[in-house]
Amino acid sequence: MPRTAKSSATAFLGWPNDYVSLPDFHRLPYVPAAAEDVIVERLADVLSGDNVAAVFLESLQGSSGGHVASPEFVAEVSRHQLCG
């Protein structure tokens, strides 16, 4: 991956960034912006497609005041079949 593509991906995935758009990347909302059940629903929608290569879960979100994913949230995310 070229350095500029990697930097763009980091900027897009690392924090809300209206200046970077990557059509093949899906970033789900952070906990303060959406409830965990809404995030899981959005994840299920994204995973329903055939083009998912990876899912990154930040179990301890340091931005926006620090948020720890609940055990129920982690279990629900893990329940989804991530590999076929």
Protein backbone atom coordinates (compact mmCIF):
# COMPACT_ATOMS: atom_id res chain seq x y z
CA MET A 1 0.00 0.00 0.00
CA PRO A 2 1.50 3.37 -0.95
CA ARG A 3 2.35 5.69 1.93
CA THR A 4 -0.37 8.20 0.96
CA ALA A 5 -3.02 5.46 0.87
CA LYS A 6 -1.92 4.21 4.30
CA SER A 7 -2.01 7.75 5.71
CA SER A 8 -5.47 8.31 4.23
CA ALA A 9 -6.71 5.03 5.71
CA THR A 10 -5.31 5.96 9.12
CA ALA A 11 -6.95 9.39 8.94
CA PHE A 12 -10.26 7.88 7.87
CA LEU A 13 -10.38 5.05 10.41
CA GLY A 14 -8.67 6.78 13.31
CA TRP A 15 -11.17 9.54 13.97
CA PRO A 16 -14.17 11.23 12.36
CA ASN A 17 -12.70 12.98 9.34
CA ASP A 18 -14.91 14.73 6.78
CA TYR A 19 -11.95 15.47 4.52
CA VAL A 20 -11.01 11.86 3.73
CA SER A 21 -13.30 9.47 1.89
CA LEU A 22 -12.42 5.84 1.20
CA PRO A 23 -15.33 4.04 -0.48
CA ASP A 24 -14.07 0.53 0.37
CA PHE A 25 -13.72 1.26 4.09
CA HIS A 26 -16.59 1.18 6.59
CA ARG A 27 -16.24 3.00 9.88
CA LEU A 28 -18.96 2.43 12.44
CA PRO A 29 -20.01 5.14 14.90
CA TYR A 30 -18.26 5.55 18.21
CA VAL A 31 -20.06 4.71 21.44
CA PRO A 32 -20.89 8.28 22.46
CA ALA A 33 -22.54 8.85 19.05
CA ALA A 34 -24.55 5.60 19.01
CA ALA A 35 -25.66 2.89 21.41
CA GLU A 36 -23.87 -0.45 21.32
CA ASP A 37 -26.93 -2.24 19.89
CA VAL A 38 -27.07 0.27 17.02
CA ILE A 39 -23.37 -0.30 16.31
CA VAL A 40 -23.90 -4.08 16.24
CA GLU A 41 -26.82 -3.62 13.83
CA ARG A 42 -24.64 -1.50 11.53
CA LEU A 43 -21.88 -4.11 11.75
CA ALA A 44 -24.32 -6.83 10.69
CA ASP A 45 -25.31 -4.72 7.68
CA VAL A 46 -21.67 -4.28 6.64
CA LEU A 47 -20.89 -7.98 7.16
CA SER A 48 -23.83 -8.99 4.99
CA GLY A 49 -21.71 -8.02 1.97
CA ASP A 50 -19.09 -10.29 0.47
CA ASN A 51 -16.18 -7.87 0.52
CA VAL A 52 -15.09 -7.72 4.16
CA ALA A 53 -11.39 -8.45 4.71
CA ALA A 54 -11.05 -7.45 8.37
CA VAL A 55 -12.93 -6.18 11.41
CA PHE A 56 -11.09 -4.10 14.00
CA LEU A 57 -12.66 -3.72 17.43
CA GLU A 58 -11.32 -1.06 19.73
CA SER A 59 -12.38 -2.50 23.08
CA LEU A 60 -11.04 0.53 24.96
CA GLN A 61 -11.81 3.71 23.09
CA GLY A 62 -9.55 6.45 24.35
CA SER A 63 -11.14 9.36 22.53
CA SER A 64 -14.31 11.16 23.59
CA GLY A 65 -13.69 10.59 27.28
CA GLY A 66 -12.67 6.92 27.28
CA HIS A 67 -15.21 4.15 26.78
CA VAL A 68 -14.88 0.43 27.50
CA ALA A 69 -16.92 -1.98 25.39
CA SER A 70 -19.35 -3.96 27.52
CA PRO A 71 -18.93 -7.75 27.71
CA GLU A 72 -22.32 -8.07 26.00
CA PHE A 73 -21.16 -5.92 23.09
CA VAL A 74 -17.97 -7.95 22.61
CA ALA A 75 -19.98 -11.19 22.77
CA GLU A 76 -22.48 -9.91 20.21
CA VAL A 77 -19.74 -8.80 17.82
CA SER A 78 -17.99 -12.16 18.26
CA ARG A 79 -21.25 -13.97 17.51
CA HIS A 80 -21.17 -12.80 13.90
CA GLN A 81 -19.47 -15.21 11.53
CA LEU A 82 -16.43 -13.21 10.49
CA CYS A 83 -14.78 -15.96 8.44
CA GLY A 84 -16.56 -18.24 6.00
